[in-house]
Amino acid sequence: MDEFIRGFWAFAGNYWWLIFPVMGMAGGAAKAWERSAKRRHERRLETLRVKAELKTAQLEARGAKRIGPSVVDTTAPPVASNTLLERLFSEHDEITARWLDYELDVAKLIAFPAMSDGRQPLVAAFLRAKRTADALRPASADASVTEQQVSEYLDAVGAYAVAFEVAEKDARRLRDSTFTEAERKRLDRAQQLLKVAVDESATQAERNIAYKRVRDELDGLILLSDEAVQVLEKQVARELPAQPAAAPQTPEASAPPEGTPEPERMPLRRDDAS
C-alpha cells in the first residue's frame, strides 16, 4: 500500500501540469450540461404553456357549441389554436431552410462537409428528428387535431431545433479535420475552382472547365445531392452580361460629310516583271 501511495505521489509530481487540461475539459462538459439542462427546462415550460393554451381553446370551442342547458359534446375533438400551429410551422420551416442552406450550397458543403455526412452521429440524430417532426406535422393550421397531437408535434419541433443546433456546431468545429492531408488539399482546390465556376466575370468556357474540375476534386470526398448539382449548374450556366450592340449605320451616316475630300487611294503594287 505504501509503495502504491509513493508511486502515486511520484506520478503526480512529474505530471502535475495535467490538472489544467483536465480541469478545462471538466469545465467545458459542465457548461455543455448546464446549457442542455436549460434548454430542457425552457422546453418543458413551453410545453406547459402550450398545453394551457390548448385547454383554453378547447373549452372555448366547446362552450360555443352549447345550446341552452345541453351537455357539452365530449365526442368532438379538441380544437388547437391556429396561431399556435402557425408559430410551430414557422419554426419548423425555419430549421428546414437552415439545413437546406447547407445541402444546396456547394461552397458550404466543402467548408463544413460533416453537415452532409449521415455517418456522423449528431447529423444522424438530426435527420431522425427531422423525419419525426415531418411525420407529426399537421396538414394545415386549420386541421382538426387533438391536444395530444399538437403536444407531440411541439415536442418534435423542439427536438428538431436542438438536434440541428448541436449538429451544426459540431460540423463547424470539425470542418475538414476528418479528411487526410491529401484530401484537404483537394477540398481547397475545389473551393478555389468553385469561385471561378460561379464568377460572372469569367467566360462561359472558363466556368465550364472550372465546374468540371470541381466535380472531379469532390469525387469520392463529398456526395452532392441532385438538387445541389442543379443549383450549381444554374449558377455556372448563368448568362454573361450582354455587350451593347453597335447601332447599324445608315447610308447617310456612313457617307462622308459634304465637301470632305476623298481620301487618296493607295496605288496597287505591281511586280517588276509586269
C-alpha atoms as a PDB file:
ATOM      1  CA  MET A   1       0.000   0.000   0.000  1.00  0.00           C
ATOM      2  CA  ASP A   2       2.800   2.390   0.940  1.00  0.00           C
ATOM      3  CA  GLU A   3       4.532   1.629  -2.339  1.00  0.00           C
ATOM      4  CA  PHE A   4       1.337   2.453  -4.249  1.00  0.00           C
ATOM      5  CA  ILE A   5       0.987   5.791  -2.417  1.00  0.00           C
ATOM      6  CA  ARG A   6       4.625   6.672  -3.066  1.00  0.00           C
ATOM      7  CA  GLY A   7       4.154   5.775  -6.747  1.00  0.00           C
ATOM      8  CA  PHE A   8       1.036   7.920  -6.951  1.00  0.00           C
ATOM      9  CA  TRP A   9       2.755  10.973  -5.483  1.00  0.00           C
ATOM     10  CA  ALA A  10       5.762  10.434  -7.727  1.00  0.00           C
ATOM     11  CA  PHE A  11       3.453  10.377 -10.759  1.00  0.00           C
ATOM     12  CA  ALA A  12       1.601  13.465  -9.522  1.00  0.00           C
ATOM     13  CA  GLY A  13       4.890  15.279  -9.001  1.00  0.00           C
ATOM     14  CA  ASN A  14       6.041  14.573 -12.551  1.00  0.00           C
ATOM     15  CA  TYR A  15       2.724  15.185 -14.311  1.00  0.00           C
ATOM     16  CA  TRP A  16       1.134  17.893 -12.148  1.00  0.00           C
ATOM     17  CA  TRP A  17       0.548  20.026 -15.242  1.00  0.00           C
ATOM     18  CA  LEU A  18      -2.132  17.578 -16.458  1.00  0.00           C
ATOM     19  CA  ILE A  19      -4.554  19.081 -13.977  1.00  0.00           C
ATOM     20  CA  PHE A  20      -5.019  22.161 -16.181  1.00  0.00           C
ATOM     21  CA  PRO A  21      -6.315  20.456 -19.356  1.00  0.00           C
ATOM     22  CA  VAL A  22      -8.361  18.064 -17.197  1.00  0.00           C
ATOM     23  CA  MET A  23      -9.967  20.999 -15.406  1.00  0.00           C
ATOM     24  CA  GLY A  24     -10.631  22.683 -18.754  1.00  0.00           C
ATOM     25  CA  MET A  25     -12.330  19.583 -20.126  1.00  0.00           C
ATOM     26  CA  ALA A  26     -14.399  19.189 -16.973  1.00  0.00           C
ATOM     27  CA  GLY A  27     -15.431  22.838 -17.117  1.00  0.00           C
ATOM     28  CA  GLY A  28     -16.466  22.530 -20.763  1.00  0.00           C
ATOM     29  CA  ALA A  29     -18.511  19.425 -20.029  1.00  0.00           C
ATOM     30  CA  ALA A  30     -20.201  21.151 -17.092  1.00  0.00           C
ATOM     31  CA  LYS A  31     -21.131  24.151 -19.243  1.00  0.00           C
ATOM     32  CA  ALA A  32     -22.495  21.918 -22.002  1.00  0.00           C
ATOM     33  CA  TRP A  33     -24.593  20.011 -19.450  1.00  0.00           C
ATOM     34  CA  GLU A  34     -25.848  23.284 -17.990  1.00  0.00           C
ATOM     35  CA  ARG A  35     -26.880  24.583 -21.436  1.00  0.00           C
ATOM     36  CA  SER A  36     -28.623  21.310 -22.215  1.00  0.00           C
ATOM     37  CA  ALA A  37     -30.486  21.375 -18.901  1.00  0.00           C
ATOM     38  CA  LYS A  38     -31.525  24.980 -19.537  1.00  0.00           C
ATOM     39  CA  ARG A  39     -32.891  24.061 -22.968  1.00  0.00           C
ATOM     40  CA  ARG A  40     -34.821  21.132 -21.497  1.00  0.00           C
ATOM     41  CA  HIS A  41     -36.244  23.372 -18.789  1.00  0.00           C
ATOM     42  CA  GLU A  42     -37.301  26.003 -21.327  1.00  0.00           C
ATOM     43  CA  ARG A  43     -38.873  23.324 -23.499  1.00  0.00           C
ATOM     44  CA  ARG A  44     -40.845  21.934 -20.531  1.00  0.00           C
ATOM     45  CA  LEU A  45     -42.111  25.425 -19.688  1.00  0.00           C
ATOM     46  CA  GLU A  46     -43.087  25.949 -23.323  1.00  0.00           C
ATOM     47  CA  THR A  47     -44.928  22.626 -23.338  1.00  0.00           C
ATOM     48  CA  LEU A  48     -46.863  23.504 -20.195  1.00  0.00           C
ATOM     49  CA  ARG A  49     -47.760  26.927 -21.583  1.00  0.00           C
ATOM     50  CA  VAL A  50     -48.927  25.493 -24.890  1.00  0.00           C
ATOM     51  CA  LYS A  51     -50.996  22.812 -23.179  1.00  0.00           C
ATOM     52  CA  ALA A  52     -52.691  25.554 -21.165  1.00  0.00           C
ATOM     53  CA  GLU A  53     -53.455  27.426 -24.374  1.00  0.00           C
ATOM     54  CA  LEU A  54     -54.848  24.294 -25.925  1.00  0.00           C
ATOM     55  CA  LYS A  55     -57.044  23.601 -22.927  1.00  0.00           C
ATOM     56  CA  THR A  56     -58.387  27.167 -23.049  1.00  0.00           C
ATOM     57  CA  ALA A  57     -59.067  26.882 -26.773  1.00  0.00           C
ATOM     58  CA  GLN A  58     -60.783  23.549 -26.205  1.00  0.00           C
ATOM     59  CA  LEU A  59     -63.079  24.941 -23.517  1.00  0.00           C
ATOM     60  CA  GLU A  60     -63.900  27.982 -25.626  1.00  0.00           C
ATOM     61  CA  ALA A  61     -64.735  25.815 -28.637  1.00  0.00           C
ATOM     62  CA  ARG A  62     -66.964  23.551 -26.576  1.00  0.00           C
ATOM     63  CA  GLY A  63     -68.630  26.497 -24.853  1.00  0.00           C
ATOM     64  CA  ALA A  64     -69.504  27.997 -28.224  1.00  0.00           C
ATOM     65  CA  LYS A  65     -71.394  24.818 -29.101  1.00  0.00           C
ATOM     66  CA  ARG A  66     -73.643  24.917 -26.015  1.00  0.00           C
ATOM     67  CA  ILE A  67     -77.331  25.365 -26.757  1.00  0.00           C
ATOM     68  CA  GLY A  68     -79.259  26.203 -23.601  1.00  0.00           C
ATOM     69  CA  PRO A  69     -78.656  23.741 -20.788  1.00  0.00           C
ATOM     70  CA  SER A  70     -77.473  20.984 -23.101  1.00  0.00           C
ATOM     71  CA  VAL A  71     -74.459  18.929 -22.106  1.00  0.00           C
ATOM     72  CA  VAL A  72     -71.122  19.572 -23.782  1.00  0.00           C
ATOM     73  CA  ASP A  73     -70.445  17.223 -26.663  1.00  0.00           C
ATOM     74  CA  THR A  74     -67.415  15.316 -25.398  1.00  0.00           C
ATOM     75  CA  THR A  75     -67.087  13.350 -28.623  1.00  0.00           C
ATOM     76  CA  ALA A  76     -65.833  16.391 -30.530  1.00  0.00           C
ATOM     77  CA  PRO A  77     -62.050  16.508 -30.790  1.00  0.00           C
ATOM     78  CA  PRO A  78     -60.338  19.401 -29.023  1.00  0.00           C
ATOM     79  CA  VAL A  79     -59.530  22.319 -31.271  1.00  0.00           C
ATOM     80  CA  ALA A  80     -55.982  23.691 -31.373  1.00  0.00           C
ATOM     81  CA  SER A  81     -55.225  27.375 -31.752  1.00  0.00           C
ATOM     82  CA  ASN A  82     -54.472  28.314 -35.357  1.00  0.00           C
ATOM     83  CA  THR A  83     -51.954  30.856 -34.161  1.00  0.00           C
ATOM     84  CA  LEU A  84     -50.109  28.213 -32.161  1.00  0.00           C
ATOM     85  CA  LEU A  85     -49.831  25.828 -35.094  1.00  0.00           C
ATOM     86  CA  GLU A  86     -48.740  28.627 -37.415  1.00  0.00           C
ATOM     87  CA  ARG A  87     -45.975  29.508 -34.958  1.00  0.00           C
ATOM     88  CA  LEU A  88     -44.830  25.891 -34.861  1.00  0.00           C
ATOM     89  CA  PHE A  89     -44.969  25.682 -38.663  1.00  0.00           C
ATOM     90  CA  SER A  90     -42.810  28.804 -38.892  1.00  0.00           C
ATOM     91  CA  GLU A  91     -40.181  27.366 -36.544  1.00  0.00           C
ATOM     92  CA  HIS A  92     -40.268  24.028 -38.363  1.00  0.00           C
ATOM     93  CA  ASP A  93     -39.786  25.703 -41.768  1.00  0.00           C
ATOM     94  CA  GLU A  94     -37.002  27.941 -40.488  1.00  0.00           C
ATOM     95  CA  ILE A  95     -34.951  24.958 -39.289  1.00  0.00           C
ATOM     96  CA  THR A  96     -35.514  23.142 -42.585  1.00  0.00           C
ATOM     97  CA  ALA A  97     -34.420  26.220 -44.540  1.00  0.00           C
ATOM     98  CA  ARG A  98     -31.212  26.466 -42.485  1.00  0.00           C
ATOM     99  CA  TRP A  99     -30.493  22.803 -43.172  1.00  0.00           C
ATOM    100  CA  LEU A 100     -31.163  23.178 -46.915  1.00  0.00           C
ATOM    101  CA  ASP A 101     -28.733  26.080 -46.958  1.00  0.00           C
ATOM    102  CA  TYR A 102     -26.013  23.509 -46.255  1.00  0.00           C
ATOM    103  CA  GLU A 103     -27.435  20.846 -48.557  1.00  0.00           C
ATOM    104  CA  LEU A 104     -27.800  23.077 -51.643  1.00  0.00           C
ATOM    105  CA  ASP A 105     -24.815  25.419 -51.255  1.00  0.00           C
ATOM    106  CA  VAL A 106     -21.754  23.572 -52.553  1.00  0.00           C
ATOM    107  CA  ALA A 107     -19.413  26.158 -51.027  1.00  0.00           C
ATOM    108  CA  LYS A 108     -20.849  25.413 -47.568  1.00  0.00           C
ATOM    109  CA  LEU A 109     -20.688  21.685 -48.212  1.00  0.00           C
ATOM    110  CA  ILE A 110     -16.973  21.998 -48.944  1.00  0.00           C
ATOM    111  CA  ALA A 111     -16.365  24.227 -45.915  1.00  0.00           C
ATOM    112  CA  PHE A 112     -18.408  22.073 -43.493  1.00  0.00           C
ATOM    113  CA  PRO A 113     -18.557  18.577 -45.035  1.00  0.00           C
ATOM    114  CA  ALA A 114     -19.635  16.896 -41.791  1.00  0.00           C
ATOM    115  CA  MET A 115     -23.030  18.601 -42.036  1.00  0.00           C
ATOM    116  CA  SER A 116     -23.966  16.403 -45.003  1.00  0.00           C
ATOM    117  CA  ASP A 117     -22.394  13.206 -43.660  1.00  0.00           C
ATOM    118  CA  GLY A 118     -25.106  10.951 -42.280  1.00  0.00           C
ATOM    119  CA  ARG A 119     -22.439   8.748 -40.725  1.00  0.00           C
ATOM    120  CA  GLN A 120     -21.739  11.444 -38.134  1.00  0.00           C
ATOM    121  CA  PRO A 121     -23.762  10.530 -35.009  1.00  0.00           C
ATOM    122  CA  LEU A 122     -25.051  14.069 -34.402  1.00  0.00           C
ATOM    123  CA  VAL A 123     -26.083  14.513 -38.034  1.00  0.00           C
ATOM    124  CA  ALA A 124     -27.817  11.125 -37.967  1.00  0.00           C
ATOM    125  CA  ALA A 125     -29.698  12.183 -34.815  1.00  0.00           C
ATOM    126  CA  PHE A 126     -30.737  15.411 -36.530  1.00  0.00           C
ATOM    127  CA  LEU A 127     -32.051  13.535 -39.573  1.00  0.00           C
ATOM    128  CA  ARG A 128     -34.083  11.240 -37.313  1.00  0.00           C
ATOM    129  CA  ALA A 129     -35.539  14.274 -35.529  1.00  0.00           C
ATOM    130  CA  LYS A 130     -36.388  15.792 -38.904  1.00  0.00           C
ATOM    131  CA  ARG A 131     -38.264  12.688 -40.018  1.00  0.00           C
ATOM    132  CA  THR A 132     -40.223  12.634 -36.753  1.00  0.00           C
ATOM    133  CA  ALA A 133     -41.172  16.321 -36.966  1.00  0.00           C
ATOM    134  CA  ASP A 134     -42.177  15.977 -40.619  1.00  0.00           C
ATOM    135  CA  ALA A 135     -44.331  12.946 -39.848  1.00  0.00           C
ATOM    136  CA  LEU A 136     -46.124  14.625 -36.924  1.00  0.00           C
ATOM    137  CA  ARG A 137     -46.753  17.925 -38.727  1.00  0.00           C
ATOM    138  CA  PRO A 138     -50.485  18.565 -39.253  1.00  0.00           C
ATOM    139  CA  ALA A 139     -51.658  19.159 -42.803  1.00  0.00           C
ATOM    140  CA  SER A 140     -52.527  22.790 -42.093  1.00  0.00           C
ATOM    141  CA  ALA A 141     -53.164  25.243 -39.285  1.00  0.00           C
ATOM    142  CA  ASP A 142     -56.905  24.681 -39.780  1.00  0.00           C
ATOM    143  CA  ALA A 143     -56.650  20.897 -39.477  1.00  0.00           C
ATOM    144  CA  SER A 144     -58.701  19.198 -36.770  1.00  0.00           C
ATOM    145  CA  VAL A 145     -56.133  17.881 -34.311  1.00  0.00           C
ATOM    146  CA  THR A 146     -56.227  16.719 -30.729  1.00  0.00           C
ATOM    147  CA  GLU A 147     -54.349  18.173 -27.818  1.00  0.00           C
ATOM    148  CA  GLN A 148     -52.136  15.082 -27.764  1.00  0.00           C
ATOM    149  CA  GLN A 149     -51.235  15.505 -31.446  1.00  0.00           C
ATOM    150  CA  VAL A 150     -50.251  19.128 -31.023  1.00  0.00           C
ATOM    151  CA  SER A 151     -48.273  18.323 -27.887  1.00  0.00           C
ATOM    152  CA  GLU A 152     -46.353  15.596 -29.736  1.00  0.00           C
ATOM    153  CA  TYR A 153     -45.712  17.927 -32.657  1.00  0.00           C
ATOM    154  CA  LEU A 154     -44.489  20.619 -30.269  1.00  0.00           C
ATOM    155  CA  ASP A 155     -42.013  18.227 -28.673  1.00  0.00           C
ATOM    156  CA  ALA A 156     -40.881  17.022 -32.111  1.00  0.00           C
ATOM    157  CA  VAL A 157     -40.198  20.551 -33.357  1.00  0.00           C
ATOM    158  CA  GLY A 158     -38.283  21.313 -30.169  1.00  0.00           C
ATOM    159  CA  ALA A 159     -36.157  18.184 -30.575  1.00  0.00           C
ATOM    160  CA  TYR A 160     -35.656  19.061 -34.256  1.00  0.00           C
ATOM    161  CA  ALA A 161     -34.368  22.540 -33.370  1.00  0.00           C
ATOM    162  CA  VAL A 162     -31.994  21.286 -30.664  1.00  0.00           C
ATOM    163  CA  ALA A 163     -30.659  18.472 -32.885  1.00  0.00           C
ATOM    164  CA  PHE A 164     -29.900  20.934 -35.679  1.00  0.00           C
ATOM    165  CA  GLU A 165     -28.094  23.359 -33.379  1.00  0.00           C
ATOM    166  CA  VAL A 166     -25.931  20.575 -31.949  1.00  0.00           C
ATOM    167  CA  ALA A 167     -25.139  19.073 -35.379  1.00  0.00           C
ATOM    168  CA  GLU A 168     -24.310  22.476 -36.867  1.00  0.00           C
ATOM    169  CA  LYS A 169     -21.935  23.422 -34.042  1.00  0.00           C
ATOM    170  CA  ASP A 170     -20.170  20.087 -34.308  1.00  0.00           C
ATOM    171  CA  ALA A 171     -19.822  20.375 -38.098  1.00  0.00           C
ATOM    172  CA  ARG A 172     -18.340  23.862 -37.756  1.00  0.00           C
ATOM    173  CA  ARG A 173     -15.938  22.546 -35.135  1.00  0.00           C
ATOM    174  CA  LEU A 174     -14.827  19.589 -37.249  1.00  0.00           C
ATOM    175  CA  ARG A 175     -14.662  21.393 -40.606  1.00  0.00           C
ATOM    176  CA  ASP A 176     -12.354  19.167 -42.727  1.00  0.00           C
ATOM    177  CA  SER A 177     -10.435  17.592 -39.827  1.00  0.00           C
ATOM    178  CA  THR A 178     -11.828  14.123 -40.625  1.00  0.00           C
ATOM    179  CA  PHE A 179     -10.031  14.111 -44.005  1.00  0.00           C
ATOM    180  CA  THR A 180      -6.429  13.271 -44.755  1.00  0.00           C
ATOM    181  CA  GLU A 181      -3.904  15.928 -45.760  1.00  0.00           C
ATOM    182  CA  ALA A 182      -4.188  14.978 -49.433  1.00  0.00           C
ATOM    183  CA  GLU A 183      -7.984  15.099 -49.246  1.00  0.00           C
ATOM    184  CA  ARG A 184      -7.898  18.515 -47.579  1.00  0.00           C
ATOM    185  CA  LYS A 185      -5.778  19.821 -50.443  1.00  0.00           C
ATOM    186  CA  ARG A 186      -8.391  18.546 -52.900  1.00  0.00           C
ATOM    187  CA  LEU A 187     -11.094  20.326 -50.942  1.00  0.00           C
ATOM    188  CA  ASP A 188      -9.066  23.548 -51.030  1.00  0.00           C
ATOM    189  CA  ARG A 189      -8.627  23.260 -54.796  1.00  0.00           C
ATOM    190  CA  ALA A 190     -12.339  22.586 -55.217  1.00  0.00           C
ATOM    191  CA  GLN A 191     -13.159  25.685 -53.168  1.00  0.00           C
ATOM    192  CA  GLN A 192     -10.898  27.868 -55.340  1.00  0.00           C
ATOM    193  CA  LEU A 193     -12.223  26.382 -58.582  1.00  0.00           C
ATOM    194  CA  LEU A 194     -15.779  26.901 -57.395  1.00  0.00           C
ATOM    195  CA  LYS A 195     -15.153  30.641 -57.181  1.00  0.00           C
ATOM    196  CA  VAL A 196     -14.207  30.627 -60.875  1.00  0.00           C
ATOM    197  CA  ALA A 197     -17.161  28.423 -61.823  1.00  0.00           C
ATOM    198  CA  VAL A 198     -19.672  30.963 -60.472  1.00  0.00           C
ATOM    199  CA  ASP A 199     -17.710  34.107 -61.347  1.00  0.00           C
ATOM    200  CA  GLU A 200     -19.796  36.299 -63.650  1.00  0.00           C
ATOM    201  CA  SER A 201     -16.683  37.993 -64.992  1.00  0.00           C
ATOM    202  CA  ALA A 202     -15.281  34.684 -66.292  1.00  0.00           C
ATOM    203  CA  THR A 203     -16.138  33.413 -69.730  1.00  0.00           C
ATOM    204  CA  GLN A 204     -18.583  30.572 -70.166  1.00  0.00           C
ATOM    205  CA  ALA A 205     -15.762  28.261 -71.270  1.00  0.00           C
ATOM    206  CA  GLU A 206     -13.744  29.109 -68.142  1.00  0.00           C
ATOM    207  CA  ARG A 207     -16.746  28.474 -65.901  1.00  0.00           C
ATOM    208  CA  ASN A 208     -17.491  25.154 -67.593  1.00  0.00           C
ATOM    209  CA  ILE A 209     -13.906  23.949 -67.164  1.00  0.00           C
ATOM    210  CA  ALA A 210     -13.813  25.060 -63.520  1.00  0.00           C
ATOM    211  CA  TYR A 211     -17.139  23.323 -62.842  1.00  0.00           C
ATOM    212  CA  LYS A 212     -15.865  20.039 -64.301  1.00  0.00           C
ATOM    213  CA  ARG A 213     -12.720  20.236 -62.190  1.00  0.00           C
ATOM    214  CA  VAL A 214     -14.772  20.949 -59.062  1.00  0.00           C
ATOM    215  CA  ARG A 215     -16.750  17.756 -59.654  1.00  0.00           C
ATOM    216  CA  ASP A 216     -13.501  15.822 -60.217  1.00  0.00           C
ATOM    217  CA  GLU A 217     -11.946  17.119 -56.986  1.00  0.00           C
ATOM    218  CA  LEU A 218     -15.031  16.296 -54.917  1.00  0.00           C
ATOM    219  CA  ASP A 219     -15.487  12.838 -56.413  1.00  0.00           C
ATOM    220  CA  GLY A 220     -15.142  10.312 -53.612  1.00  0.00           C
ATOM    221  CA  LEU A 221     -14.929  13.015 -50.909  1.00  0.00           C
ATOM    222  CA  ILE A 222     -18.350  14.690 -50.786  1.00  0.00           C
ATOM    223  CA  LEU A 223     -21.543  13.333 -52.287  1.00  0.00           C
ATOM    224  CA  LEU A 224     -23.521  16.160 -53.883  1.00  0.00           C
ATOM    225  CA  SER A 225     -27.272  15.726 -53.970  1.00  0.00           C
ATOM    226  CA  ASP A 226     -29.104  16.044 -57.286  1.00  0.00           C
ATOM    227  CA  GLU A 227     -30.669  19.272 -56.038  1.00  0.00           C
ATOM    228  CA  ALA A 228     -27.253  20.752 -55.146  1.00  0.00           C
ATOM    229  CA  VAL A 229     -25.925  19.833 -58.601  1.00  0.00           C
ATOM    230  CA  GLN A 230     -28.898  21.521 -60.264  1.00  0.00           C
ATOM    231  CA  VAL A 231     -28.402  24.714 -58.255  1.00  0.00           C
ATOM    232  CA  LEU A 232     -24.697  24.790 -59.080  1.00  0.00           C
ATOM    233  CA  GLU A 233     -25.250  24.120 -62.788  1.00  0.00           C
ATOM    234  CA  LYS A 234     -27.689  27.033 -62.958  1.00  0.00           C
ATOM    235  CA  GLN A 235     -25.070  29.288 -61.410  1.00  0.00           C
ATOM    236  CA  VAL A 236     -22.415  28.084 -63.842  1.00  0.00           C
ATOM    237  CA  ALA A 237     -24.685  28.455 -66.876  1.00  0.00           C
ATOM    238  CA  ARG A 238     -25.761  31.960 -65.901  1.00  0.00           C
ATOM    239  CA  GLU A 239     -25.569  34.198 -68.965  1.00  0.00           C
ATOM    240  CA  LEU A 240     -22.853  36.820 -69.088  1.00  0.00           C
ATOM    241  CA  PRO A 241     -23.971  40.448 -69.251  1.00  0.00           C
ATOM    242  CA  ALA A 242     -24.766  41.213 -72.886  1.00  0.00           C
ATOM    243  CA  GLN A 243     -22.494  43.708 -74.624  1.00  0.00           C
ATOM    244  CA  PRO A 244     -24.380  46.664 -76.168  1.00  0.00           C
ATOM    245  CA  ALA A 245     -24.781  46.018 -79.877  1.00  0.00           C
ATOM    246  CA  ALA A 246     -23.385  48.637 -82.253  1.00  0.00           C
ATOM    247  CA  ALA A 247     -26.098  50.687 -83.917  1.00  0.00           C
ATOM    248  CA  PRO A 248     -26.448  49.883 -87.658  1.00  0.00           C
ATOM    249  CA  GLN A 249     -25.136  52.629 -89.885  1.00  0.00           C
ATOM    250  CA  THR A 250     -27.407  54.136 -92.491  1.00  0.00           C
ATOM    251  CA  PRO A 251     -26.074  55.092 -95.902  1.00  0.00           C
ATOM    252  CA  GLU A 252     -26.335  58.745 -94.908  1.00  0.00           C
ATOM    253  CA  ALA A 253     -24.399  58.165 -91.684  1.00  0.00           C
ATOM    254  CA  SER A 254     -21.677  56.202 -93.460  1.00  0.00           C
ATOM    255  CA  ALA A 255     -21.201  58.795 -96.216  1.00  0.00           C
ATOM    256  CA  PRO A 256     -18.531  61.443 -95.548  1.00  0.00           C
ATOM    257  CA  PRO A 257     -19.738  64.998 -94.918  1.00  0.00           C
ATOM    258  CA  GLU A 258     -20.233  67.169 -97.980  1.00  0.00           C
ATOM    259  CA  GLY A 259     -17.076  68.956 -99.043  1.00  0.00           C
ATOM    260  CA  THR A 260     -14.770  66.410 -97.456  1.00  0.00           C
ATOM    261  CA  PRO A 261     -12.037  65.454 -99.961  1.00  0.00           C
ATOM    262  CA  GLU A 262     -11.980  61.806-100.938  1.00  0.00           C
ATOM    263  CA  PRO A 263      -9.022  60.059 -99.358  1.00  0.00           C
ATOM    264  CA  GLU A 264      -6.187  59.290-101.719  1.00  0.00           C
ATOM    265  CA  ARG A 265      -6.198  55.684-102.832  1.00  0.00           C
ATOM    266  CA  MET A 266      -3.004  53.707-102.374  1.00  0.00           C
ATOM    267  CA  PRO A 267      -1.679  52.503-105.783  1.00  0.00           C
ATOM    268  CA  LEU A 268      -1.767  48.791-106.324  1.00  0.00           C
ATOM    269  CA  ARG A 269       1.635  47.178-106.079  1.00  0.00           C
ATOM    270  CA  ARG A 270       2.862  45.781-109.348  1.00  0.00           C
ATOM    271  CA  ASP A 271       5.596  43.259-109.890  1.00  0.00           C
ATOM    272  CA  ASP A 272       8.681  44.454-111.777  1.00  0.00           C
ATOM    273  CA  ALA A 273       8.213  41.640-114.264  1.00  0.00           C
ATOM    274  CA  SER A 274       4.958  43.179-115.424  1.00  0.00           C
END
